[in-house]
């Protein structure tokens, strides 16, 4: 059984899935795996259908920006998302703020937008806080003071969104990484923030810290969360384990891929289960060092 072929097929199947965000996640996985031309074909075929659809257009613009090597074209799609964010009457303003943060675009210099739906402003503020830790130019660096203020905030939504955002930061300095690890290892595994902090700790790990004694603890905690019934924890944990690509985790990822693939073949997975199958397929391909032929 060629598991790498099965994993790729799972991602392509998910792009035809009925759940919209399953499609977006699978396209993002393709891009991460270096299948840029394949992603481009899919995006160009579909983007016109979603250009005027709130939320959906944001997902496709984000994918287009992620997949672009041309700076002007990339900035064009980021500009479309920014335009949505700057209009408080848009129905997808929160999705715009989240996508800008995922694209490492800093909102620090922009006025903080207030939505007409006041009940949503706390969530919007959380995404803006995340985006605002990014530097405004290449000459500056991540605002670590702001980052850890959010991670230690008494506002649970601010903490949760910023913890989720840590996996998008890239490699960080040893000193800052150890501060993040301390937070990750002191957070109860029952906390809704735990999986995000653990994923962030793996994703931001400097190369020289890969053999740090805390790494096996982080990986084992993620495996425990991956074995839980919490679908979000399972999804995030497998993606993080795949990205870290420790050989000792490969059998664990492979076993889950085989199990979910079997369930999917029997039409026994719901939309959320199919999204997790995509995540595990991606994790397997990353863990084996998949390279496009």
C-alpha atoms as a PDB file:
ATOM      1  CA  UNK A   1       0.000   0.000   0.000  1.00  0.00           C
ATOM      2  CA  UNK A   2       1.470   3.333  -1.102  1.00  0.00           C
ATOM      3  CA  UNK A   3       0.516   5.565   1.816  1.00  0.00           C
ATOM      4  CA  UNK A   4       2.004   8.706   0.288  1.00  0.00           C
ATOM      5  CA  UNK A   5      -0.251   8.266  -2.753  1.00  0.00           C
ATOM      6  CA  UNK A   6      -3.246   7.665  -0.495  1.00  0.00           C
ATOM      7  CA  UNK A   7      -2.406  10.780   1.531  1.00  0.00           C
ATOM      8  CA  UNK A   8      -2.218  12.953  -1.585  1.00  0.00           C
ATOM      9  CA  UNK A   9      -5.491  11.494  -2.872  1.00  0.00           C
ATOM     10  CA  UNK A  10      -7.105  12.297   0.484  1.00  0.00           C
ATOM     11  CA  UNK A  11      -6.121  15.949   0.089  1.00  0.00           C
ATOM     12  CA  UNK A  12      -7.509  16.130  -3.442  1.00  0.00           C
ATOM     13  CA  UNK A  13     -10.722  14.430  -2.354  1.00  0.00           C
ATOM     14  CA  UNK A  14     -11.120  16.942   0.461  1.00  0.00           C
ATOM     15  CA  UNK A  15     -10.933  19.787  -2.047  1.00  0.00           C
ATOM     16  CA  UNK A  16     -14.190  18.463  -3.506  1.00  0.00           C
ATOM     17  CA  UNK A  17     -15.691  18.038  -0.045  1.00  0.00           C
ATOM     18  CA  UNK A  18     -19.042  19.657   0.735  1.00  0.00           C
ATOM     19  CA  UNK A  19     -17.622  21.609   3.704  1.00  0.00           C
ATOM     20  CA  UNK A  20     -16.090  24.841   2.419  1.00  0.00           C
ATOM     21  CA  UNK A  21     -13.280  25.222   4.971  1.00  0.00           C
ATOM     22  CA  UNK A  22     -12.209  21.607   4.365  1.00  0.00           C
ATOM     23  CA  UNK A  23     -11.453  22.692   0.805  1.00  0.00           C
ATOM     24  CA  UNK A  24      -9.420  25.691   1.974  1.00  0.00           C
ATOM     25  CA  UNK A  25      -7.420  23.670   4.491  1.00  0.00           C
ATOM     26  CA  UNK A  26      -6.545  21.070   1.857  1.00  0.00           C
ATOM     27  CA  UNK A  27      -5.395  23.745  -0.595  1.00  0.00           C
ATOM     28  CA  UNK A  28      -3.218  25.261   2.146  1.00  0.00           C
ATOM     29  CA  UNK A  29      -1.736  21.825   2.821  1.00  0.00           C
ATOM     30  CA  UNK A  30      -0.905  21.434  -0.882  1.00  0.00           C
ATOM     31  CA  UNK A  31       0.834  24.809  -0.855  1.00  0.00           C
ATOM     32  CA  UNK A  32       2.819  23.891   2.266  1.00  0.00           C
ATOM     33  CA  UNK A  33       3.906  20.649   0.571  1.00  0.00           C
ATOM     34  CA  UNK A  34       5.258  22.581  -2.409  1.00  0.00           C
ATOM     35  CA  UNK A  35       2.491  21.580  -4.822  1.00  0.00           C
ATOM     36  CA  UNK A  36       2.089  25.181  -5.921  1.00  0.00           C
ATOM     37  CA  UNK A  37       1.193  24.602  -9.540  1.00  0.00           C
ATOM     38  CA  UNK A  38      -1.478  22.098  -8.560  1.00  0.00           C
ATOM     39  CA  UNK A  39      -2.891  24.565  -6.022  1.00  0.00           C
ATOM     40  CA  UNK A  40      -2.810  27.382  -8.590  1.00  0.00           C
ATOM     41  CA  UNK A  41      -4.888  25.385 -11.074  1.00  0.00           C
ATOM     42  CA  UNK A  42      -7.526  24.689  -8.425  1.00  0.00           C
ATOM     43  CA  UNK A  43      -7.579  28.265  -7.161  1.00  0.00           C
ATOM     44  CA  UNK A  44      -7.883  29.883 -10.579  1.00  0.00           C
ATOM     45  CA  UNK A  45     -10.667  27.488 -11.477  1.00  0.00           C
ATOM     46  CA  UNK A  46     -12.711  28.356  -8.389  1.00  0.00           C
ATOM     47  CA  UNK A  47     -11.908  31.848  -7.220  1.00  0.00           C
ATOM     48  CA  UNK A  48     -14.376  33.618  -9.550  1.00  0.00           C
ATOM     49  CA  UNK A  49     -17.234  31.685  -7.954  1.00  0.00           C
ATOM     50  CA  UNK A  50     -16.390  33.026  -4.495  1.00  0.00           C
ATOM     51  CA  UNK A  51     -15.168  36.546  -5.312  1.00  0.00           C
ATOM     52  CA  UNK A  52     -18.344  38.154  -3.909  1.00  0.00           C
ATOM     53  CA  UNK A  53     -19.150  35.648  -1.161  1.00  0.00           C
ATOM     54  CA  UNK A  54     -18.404  36.866   2.405  1.00  0.00           C
ATOM     55  CA  UNK A  55     -15.979  34.605   4.301  1.00  0.00           C
ATOM     56  CA  UNK A  56     -15.444  32.338   1.288  1.00  0.00           C
ATOM     57  CA  UNK A  57     -13.710  35.059  -0.717  1.00  0.00           C
ATOM     58  CA  UNK A  58     -11.339  35.628   2.213  1.00  0.00           C
ATOM     59  CA  UNK A  59     -10.363  31.956   2.229  1.00  0.00           C
ATOM     60  CA  UNK A  60      -9.517  31.963  -1.460  1.00  0.00           C
ATOM     61  CA  UNK A  61      -7.707  35.309  -1.374  1.00  0.00           C
ATOM     62  CA  UNK A  62      -5.605  34.010   1.512  1.00  0.00           C
ATOM     63  CA  UNK A  63      -4.713  30.883  -0.464  1.00  0.00           C
ATOM     64  CA  UNK A  64      -3.881  32.970  -3.530  1.00  0.00           C
ATOM     65  CA  UNK A  65      -1.588  35.172  -1.430  1.00  0.00           C
ATOM     66  CA  UNK A  66       0.096  32.148   0.174  1.00  0.00           C
ATOM     67  CA  UNK A  67       0.688  30.571  -3.222  1.00  0.00           C
ATOM     68  CA  UNK A  68       2.115  33.670  -4.932  1.00  0.00           C
ATOM     69  CA  UNK A  69       5.834  34.152  -5.483  1.00  0.00           C
ATOM     70  CA  UNK A  70       5.297  37.444  -7.284  1.00  0.00           C
ATOM     71  CA  UNK A  71       5.323  40.193  -4.617  1.00  0.00           C
ATOM     72  CA  UNK A  72       2.945  42.513  -6.493  1.00  0.00           C
ATOM     73  CA  UNK A  73       0.351  39.789  -7.015  1.00  0.00           C
ATOM     74  CA  UNK A  74       0.706  38.641  -3.419  1.00  0.00           C
ATOM     75  CA  UNK A  75       0.181  42.212  -2.181  1.00  0.00           C
ATOM     76  CA  UNK A  76      -2.862  42.556  -4.437  1.00  0.00           C
ATOM     77  CA  UNK A  77      -4.633  39.717  -2.630  1.00  0.00           C
ATOM     78  CA  UNK A  78      -3.513  40.969   0.779  1.00  0.00           C
ATOM     79  CA  UNK A  79      -4.883  44.382  -0.244  1.00  0.00           C
ATOM     80  CA  UNK A  80      -8.271  42.832  -1.004  1.00  0.00           C
ATOM     81  CA  UNK A  81      -8.374  41.281   2.462  1.00  0.00           C
ATOM     82  CA  UNK A  82      -7.222  44.541   4.079  1.00  0.00           C
ATOM     83  CA  UNK A  83      -9.993  46.445   2.292  1.00  0.00           C
ATOM     84  CA  UNK A  84     -12.546  44.113   3.866  1.00  0.00           C
ATOM     85  CA  UNK A  85     -11.006  44.585   7.315  1.00  0.00           C
ATOM     86  CA  UNK A  86     -11.106  48.370   7.045  1.00  0.00           C
ATOM     87  CA  UNK A  87     -14.852  48.409   6.338  1.00  0.00           C
ATOM     88  CA  UNK A  88     -16.774  47.781   9.592  1.00  0.00           C
ATOM     89  CA  UNK A  89     -19.946  47.049   7.616  1.00  0.00           C
ATOM     90  CA  UNK A  90     -18.496  43.957   5.932  1.00  0.00           C
ATOM     91  CA  UNK A  91     -19.843  40.630   7.131  1.00  0.00           C
ATOM     92  CA  UNK A  92     -16.460  38.916   6.977  1.00  0.00           C
ATOM     93  CA  UNK A  93     -14.324  41.477   8.791  1.00  0.00           C
ATOM     94  CA  UNK A  94     -13.261  38.976  11.490  1.00  0.00           C
ATOM     95  CA  UNK A  95     -12.195  36.462   8.846  1.00  0.00           C
ATOM     96  CA  UNK A  96     -10.227  39.255   7.190  1.00  0.00           C
ATOM     97  CA  UNK A  97      -8.378  40.113  10.400  1.00  0.00           C
ATOM     98  CA  UNK A  98      -7.636  36.429  11.042  1.00  0.00           C
ATOM     99  CA  UNK A  99      -6.324  35.906   7.505  1.00  0.00           C
ATOM    100  CA  UNK A 100      -4.106  38.973   7.665  1.00  0.00           C
ATOM    101  CA  UNK A 101      -2.601  37.596  10.882  1.00  0.00           C
ATOM    102  CA  UNK A 102      -2.059  34.198   9.237  1.00  0.00           C
ATOM    103  CA  UNK A 103      -0.280  35.990   6.398  1.00  0.00           C
ATOM    104  CA  UNK A 104       1.999  37.761   8.937  1.00  0.00           C
ATOM    105  CA  UNK A 105       0.593  41.152   7.927  1.00  0.00           C
ATOM    106  CA  UNK A 106       0.876  43.765  10.668  1.00  0.00           C
ATOM    107  CA  UNK A 107      -2.188  45.842  11.526  1.00  0.00           C
ATOM    108  CA  UNK A 108      -0.259  47.865  14.092  1.00  0.00           C
ATOM    109  CA  UNK A 109      -0.305  51.117  12.098  1.00  0.00           C
ATOM    110  CA  UNK A 110      -4.005  50.932  11.210  1.00  0.00           C
ATOM    111  CA  UNK A 111      -6.864  52.303  13.275  1.00  0.00           C
ATOM    112  CA  UNK A 112      -8.581  49.608  15.293  1.00  0.00           C
ATOM    113  CA  UNK A 113     -11.882  48.908  13.606  1.00  0.00           C
ATOM    114  CA  UNK A 114     -15.079  48.498  15.596  1.00  0.00           C
ATOM    115  CA  UNK A 115     -17.805  46.315  14.140  1.00  0.00           C
ATOM    116  CA  UNK A 116     -21.423  47.357  13.972  1.00  0.00           C
ATOM    117  CA  UNK A 117     -22.159  44.081  15.786  1.00  0.00           C
ATOM    118  CA  UNK A 118     -20.678  45.097  19.136  1.00  0.00           C
ATOM    119  CA  UNK A 119     -20.882  41.530  20.447  1.00  0.00           C
ATOM    120  CA  UNK A 120     -18.185  40.470  17.976  1.00  0.00           C
ATOM    121  CA  UNK A 121     -15.671  43.172  18.852  1.00  0.00           C
ATOM    122  CA  UNK A 122     -13.833  41.120  21.467  1.00  0.00           C
ATOM    123  CA  UNK A 123     -13.081  38.393  18.930  1.00  0.00           C
ATOM    124  CA  UNK A 124     -12.052  40.944  16.315  1.00  0.00           C
ATOM    125  CA  UNK A 125      -9.763  42.645  18.834  1.00  0.00           C
ATOM    126  CA  UNK A 126      -8.141  39.284  19.590  1.00  0.00           C
ATOM    127  CA  UNK A 127      -7.148  38.815  15.942  1.00  0.00           C
ATOM    128  CA  UNK A 128      -5.917  42.383  15.671  1.00  0.00           C
ATOM    129  CA  UNK A 129      -3.792  41.841  18.800  1.00  0.00           C
ATOM    130  CA  UNK A 130      -2.237  38.820  17.107  1.00  0.00           C
ATOM    131  CA  UNK A 131      -1.587  40.652  13.848  1.00  0.00           C
ATOM    132  CA  UNK A 132      -0.079  43.576  15.727  1.00  0.00           C
ATOM    133  CA  UNK A 133       2.843  41.556  17.123  1.00  0.00           C
ATOM    134  CA  UNK A 134       4.273  41.311  13.599  1.00  0.00           C
ATOM    135  CA  UNK A 135       6.854  43.885  12.490  1.00  0.00           C
ATOM    136  CA  UNK A 136       5.674  46.667  10.187  1.00  0.00           C
ATOM    137  CA  UNK A 137       8.836  46.376   8.102  1.00  0.00           C
ATOM    138  CA  UNK A 138      11.819  44.091   7.591  1.00  0.00           C
ATOM    139  CA  UNK A 139      13.873  46.482   9.686  1.00  0.00           C
ATOM    140  CA  UNK A 140      11.995  45.604  12.893  1.00  0.00           C
ATOM    141  CA  UNK A 141      11.235  42.346  14.712  1.00  0.00           C
ATOM    142  CA  UNK A 142       8.333  40.595  16.382  1.00  0.00           C
ATOM    143  CA  UNK A 143       6.900  42.514  19.324  1.00  0.00           C
ATOM    144  CA  UNK A 144       7.664  39.895  21.981  1.00  0.00           C
ATOM    145  CA  UNK A 145       6.451  42.149  24.776  1.00  0.00           C
ATOM    146  CA  UNK A 146       3.051  42.389  23.098  1.00  0.00           C
ATOM    147  CA  UNK A 147       3.087  38.673  22.313  1.00  0.00           C
ATOM    148  CA  UNK A 148       3.578  37.590  25.918  1.00  0.00           C
ATOM    149  CA  UNK A 149       1.166  40.217  27.204  1.00  0.00           C
ATOM    150  CA  UNK A 150      -1.523  38.534  25.115  1.00  0.00           C
ATOM    151  CA  UNK A 151      -0.439  35.020  26.124  1.00  0.00           C
ATOM    152  CA  UNK A 152      -0.721  36.039  29.789  1.00  0.00           C
ATOM    153  CA  UNK A 153      -3.877  38.125  29.383  1.00  0.00           C
ATOM    154  CA  UNK A 154      -6.818  37.660  31.723  1.00  0.00           C
ATOM    155  CA  UNK A 155      -9.035  37.783  28.638  1.00  0.00           C
ATOM    156  CA  UNK A 156      -9.458  34.124  27.641  1.00  0.00           C
ATOM    157  CA  UNK A 157     -10.263  34.912  24.003  1.00  0.00           C
ATOM    158  CA  UNK A 158      -7.162  37.100  23.649  1.00  0.00           C
ATOM    159  CA  UNK A 159      -5.033  34.304  25.123  1.00  0.00           C
ATOM    160  CA  UNK A 160      -6.582  31.595  22.986  1.00  0.00           C
ATOM    161  CA  UNK A 161      -6.236  33.461  19.694  1.00  0.00           C
ATOM    162  CA  UNK A 162      -2.651  34.503  20.438  1.00  0.00           C
ATOM    163  CA  UNK A 163      -1.749  30.960  21.505  1.00  0.00           C
ATOM    164  CA  UNK A 164      -3.160  29.719  18.200  1.00  0.00           C
ATOM    165  CA  UNK A 165      -1.142  32.392  16.422  1.00  0.00           C
ATOM    166  CA  UNK A 166       2.197  31.249  17.830  1.00  0.00           C
ATOM    167  CA  UNK A 167       2.530  28.481  15.234  1.00  0.00           C
ATOM    168  CA  UNK A 168       2.613  31.135  12.495  1.00  0.00           C
ATOM    169  CA  UNK A 169       5.574  33.033  13.968  1.00  0.00           C
ATOM    170  CA  UNK A 170       8.338  31.002  12.333  1.00  0.00           C
ATOM    171  CA  UNK A 171      11.559  30.211  14.187  1.00  0.00           C
ATOM    172  CA  UNK A 172      12.136  32.458  17.189  1.00  0.00           C
ATOM    173  CA  UNK A 173      15.156  33.112  19.407  1.00  0.00           C
ATOM    174  CA  UNK A 174      16.216  30.580  22.032  1.00  0.00           C
ATOM    175  CA  UNK A 175      15.327  32.916  24.875  1.00  0.00           C
ATOM    176  CA  UNK A 176      11.823  33.685  23.619  1.00  0.00           C
ATOM    177  CA  UNK A 177      11.248  30.059  22.678  1.00  0.00           C
ATOM    178  CA  UNK A 178      12.048  28.882  26.209  1.00  0.00           C
ATOM    179  CA  UNK A 179       9.524  31.377  27.590  1.00  0.00           C
ATOM    180  CA  UNK A 180       6.899  29.918  25.244  1.00  0.00           C
ATOM    181  CA  UNK A 181       7.837  26.365  26.243  1.00  0.00           C
ATOM    182  CA  UNK A 182       7.406  27.281  29.928  1.00  0.00           C
ATOM    183  CA  UNK A 183       3.876  28.496  29.191  1.00  0.00           C
ATOM    184  CA  UNK A 184       3.096  25.397  27.130  1.00  0.00           C
ATOM    185  CA  UNK A 185       4.272  22.964  29.798  1.00  0.00           C
ATOM    186  CA  UNK A 186       2.536  24.712  32.701  1.00  0.00           C
ATOM    187  CA  UNK A 187      -0.831  24.926  30.924  1.00  0.00           C
ATOM    188  CA  UNK A 188      -3.182  22.103  31.896  1.00  0.00           C
ATOM    189  CA  UNK A 189      -3.905  19.675  29.055  1.00  0.00           C
ATOM    190  CA  UNK A 190      -7.583  20.196  29.851  1.00  0.00           C
ATOM    191  CA  UNK A 191      -7.267  23.858  28.904  1.00  0.00           C
ATOM    192  CA  UNK A 192      -8.605  24.951  25.476  1.00  0.00           C
ATOM    193  CA  UNK A 193      -5.309  26.814  25.032  1.00  0.00           C
ATOM    194  CA  UNK A 194      -2.956  23.901  25.727  1.00  0.00           C
ATOM    195  CA  UNK A 195      -2.871  22.401  22.238  1.00  0.00           C
ATOM    196  CA  UNK A 196      -2.116  25.787  20.652  1.00  0.00           C
ATOM    197  CA  UNK A 197       0.767  26.518  23.023  1.00  0.00           C
ATOM    198  CA  UNK A 198       2.247  23.061  22.478  1.00  0.00           C
ATOM    199  CA  UNK A 199       1.899  23.398  18.703  1.00  0.00           C
ATOM    200  CA  UNK A 200       3.495  26.831  18.871  1.00  0.00           C
ATOM    201  CA  UNK A 201       6.381  25.477  20.924  1.00  0.00           C
ATOM    202  CA  UNK A 202       7.142  22.848  18.264  1.00  0.00           C
ATOM    203  CA  UNK A 203       6.604  25.171  15.298  1.00  0.00           C
ATOM    204  CA  UNK A 204       8.844  27.953  16.616  1.00  0.00           C
ATOM    205  CA  UNK A 205      11.597  25.671  17.921  1.00  0.00           C
ATOM    206  CA  UNK A 206      15.051  26.906  16.842  1.00  0.00           C
ATOM    207  CA  UNK A 207      17.089  24.249  15.045  1.00  0.00           C
ATOM    208  CA  UNK A 208      19.657  24.123  17.826  1.00  0.00           C
ATOM    209  CA  UNK A 209      16.920  23.287  20.371  1.00  0.00           C
ATOM    210  CA  UNK A 210      15.463  20.244  18.554  1.00  0.00           C
ATOM    211  CA  UNK A 211      17.236  17.928  21.023  1.00  0.00           C
ATOM    212  CA  UNK A 212      16.160  19.980  24.048  1.00  0.00           C
ATOM    213  CA  UNK A 213      14.933  17.730  26.865  1.00  0.00           C
ATOM    214  CA  UNK A 214      11.522  19.439  26.811  1.00  0.00           C
ATOM    215  CA  UNK A 215      10.827  18.427  23.204  1.00  0.00           C
ATOM    216  CA  UNK A 216       9.855  14.787  23.978  1.00  0.00           C
ATOM    217  CA  UNK A 217       7.509  16.056  26.704  1.00  0.00           C
ATOM    218  CA  UNK A 218       5.840  18.444  24.254  1.00  0.00           C
ATOM    219  CA  UNK A 219       5.502  15.711  21.615  1.00  0.00           C
ATOM    220  CA  UNK A 220       4.075  13.217  24.091  1.00  0.00           C
ATOM    221  CA  UNK A 221       1.545  15.767  25.342  1.00  0.00           C
ATOM    222  CA  UNK A 222       0.493  16.400  21.750  1.00  0.00           C
ATOM    223  CA  UNK A 223       0.072  12.658  21.205  1.00  0.00           C
ATOM    224  CA  UNK A 224      -2.177  12.502  24.238  1.00  0.00           C
ATOM    225  CA  UNK A 225      -4.283  15.318  22.809  1.00  0.00           C
ATOM    226  CA  UNK A 226      -4.272  13.657  19.372  1.00  0.00           C
ATOM    227  CA  UNK A 227      -5.749  10.534  20.974  1.00  0.00           C
ATOM    228  CA  UNK A 228      -8.553  12.478  22.653  1.00  0.00           C
ATOM    229  CA  UNK A 229     -12.112  12.919  21.410  1.00  0.00           C
ATOM    230  CA  UNK A 230     -11.583  16.652  21.022  1.00  0.00           C
ATOM    231  CA  UNK A 231     -11.566  17.190  17.242  1.00  0.00           C
ATOM    232  CA  UNK A 232      -9.756  20.536  17.354  1.00  0.00           C
ATOM    233  CA  UNK A 233      -7.007  19.108  19.544  1.00  0.00           C
ATOM    234  CA  UNK A 234      -6.634  16.111  17.242  1.00  0.00           C
ATOM    235  CA  UNK A 235      -6.410  18.275  14.097  1.00  0.00           C
ATOM    236  CA  UNK A 236      -3.862  20.717  15.521  1.00  0.00           C
ATOM    237  CA  UNK A 237      -1.740  18.061  17.224  1.00  0.00           C
ATOM    238  CA  UNK A 238      -1.257  15.960  14.100  1.00  0.00           C
ATOM    239  CA  UNK A 239      -0.338  18.976  11.965  1.00  0.00           C
ATOM    240  CA  UNK A 240       2.275  20.039  14.535  1.00  0.00           C
ATOM    241  CA  UNK A 241       3.753  16.535  14.854  1.00  0.00           C
ATOM    242  CA  UNK A 242       3.988  16.263  11.072  1.00  0.00           C
ATOM    243  CA  UNK A 243       5.679  19.623  10.750  1.00  0.00           C
ATOM    244  CA  UNK A 244       8.245  18.772  13.411  1.00  0.00           C
ATOM    245  CA  UNK A 245       8.985  15.500  11.574  1.00  0.00           C
ATOM    246  CA  UNK A 246      10.573  13.473  14.352  1.00  0.00           C
ATOM    247  CA  UNK A 247      11.135   9.890  13.089  1.00  0.00           C
ATOM    248  CA  UNK A 248       9.765   8.511  16.364  1.00  0.00           C
ATOM    249  CA  UNK A 249       6.337  10.028  15.595  1.00  0.00           C
ATOM    250  CA  UNK A 250       5.976   8.490  12.132  1.00  0.00           C
ATOM    251  CA  UNK A 251       4.384   5.213  13.258  1.00  0.00           C
ATOM    252  CA  UNK A 252       1.900   7.134  15.406  1.00  0.00           C
ATOM    253  CA  UNK A 253       0.868   9.313  12.446  1.00  0.00           C
ATOM    254  CA  UNK A 254       0.796   6.338  10.067  1.00  0.00           C
ATOM    255  CA  UNK A 255      -1.534   4.358  12.351  1.00  0.00           C
ATOM    256  CA  UNK A 256      -4.037   7.230  12.486  1.00  0.00           C
ATOM    257  CA  UNK A 257      -3.857   7.708   8.715  1.00  0.00           C
ATOM    258  CA  UNK A 258      -4.658   4.027   8.117  1.00  0.00           C
ATOM    259  CA  UNK A 259      -7.542   4.122  10.594  1.00  0.00           C
ATOM    260  CA  UNK A 260      -9.140   7.259   9.194  1.00  0.00           C
ATOM    261  CA  UNK A 261      -8.597   6.200   5.592  1.00  0.00           C
ATOM    262  CA  UNK A 262     -10.435   2.956   6.321  1.00  0.00           C
ATOM    263  CA  UNK A 263     -13.332   4.827   7.928  1.00  0.00           C
ATOM    264  CA  UNK A 264     -13.483   7.204   4.985  1.00  0.00           C
ATOM    265  CA  UNK A 265     -13.574   4.294   2.535  1.00  0.00           C
ATOM    266  CA  UNK A 266     -16.616   3.031   4.402  1.00  0.00           C
ATOM    267  CA  UNK A 267     -18.240   6.505   4.233  1.00  0.00           C
ATOM    268  CA  UNK A 268     -18.074   6.634   8.003  1.00  0.00           C
ATOM    269  CA  UNK A 269     -16.519  10.099   8.458  1.00  0.00           C
ATOM    270  CA  UNK A 270     -18.462  13.336   8.909  1.00  0.00           C
ATOM    271  CA  UNK A 271     -17.168  16.701   7.660  1.00  0.00           C
ATOM    272  CA  UNK A 272     -15.042  17.238  10.748  1.00  0.00           C
ATOM    273  CA  UNK A 273     -13.619  13.735  10.479  1.00  0.00           C
ATOM    274  CA  UNK A 274     -12.707  14.347   6.835  1.00  0.00           C
ATOM    275  CA  UNK A 275     -10.930  17.564   7.823  1.00  0.00           C
ATOM    276  CA  UNK A 276      -8.898  15.606  10.375  1.00  0.00           C
ATOM    277  CA  UNK A 277      -8.104  13.023   7.694  1.00  0.00           C
ATOM    278  CA  UNK A 278      -6.670  15.846   5.570  1.00  0.00           C
ATOM    279  CA  UNK A 279      -4.582  17.038   8.520  1.00  0.00           C
ATOM    280  CA  UNK A 280      -3.245  13.537   9.214  1.00  0.00           C
ATOM    281  CA  UNK A 281      -2.536  12.995   5.500  1.00  0.00           C
ATOM    282  CA  UNK A 282      -0.572  16.235   5.462  1.00  0.00           C
ATOM    283  CA  UNK A 283       1.250  15.257   8.665  1.00  0.00           C
ATOM    284  CA  UNK A 284       2.274  11.923   7.167  1.00  0.00           C
ATOM    285  CA  UNK A 285       3.598  13.556   3.988  1.00  0.00           C
ATOM    286  CA  UNK A 286       5.570  16.119   5.998  1.00  0.00           C
ATOM    287  CA  UNK A 287       6.919  13.458   8.331  1.00  0.00           C
ATOM    288  CA  UNK A 288       8.296  11.355   5.474  1.00  0.00           C
ATOM    289  CA  UNK A 289       9.840  14.412   3.818  1.00  0.00           C
ATOM    290  CA  UNK A 290       7.525  14.318   0.809  1.00  0.00           C
ATOM    291  CA  UNK A 291       9.005  15.815  -2.355  1.00  0.00           C
ATOM    292  CA  UNK A 292       7.104  16.415  -5.562  1.00  0.00           C
ATOM    293  CA  UNK A 293       8.341  14.148  -8.380  1.00  0.00           C
END
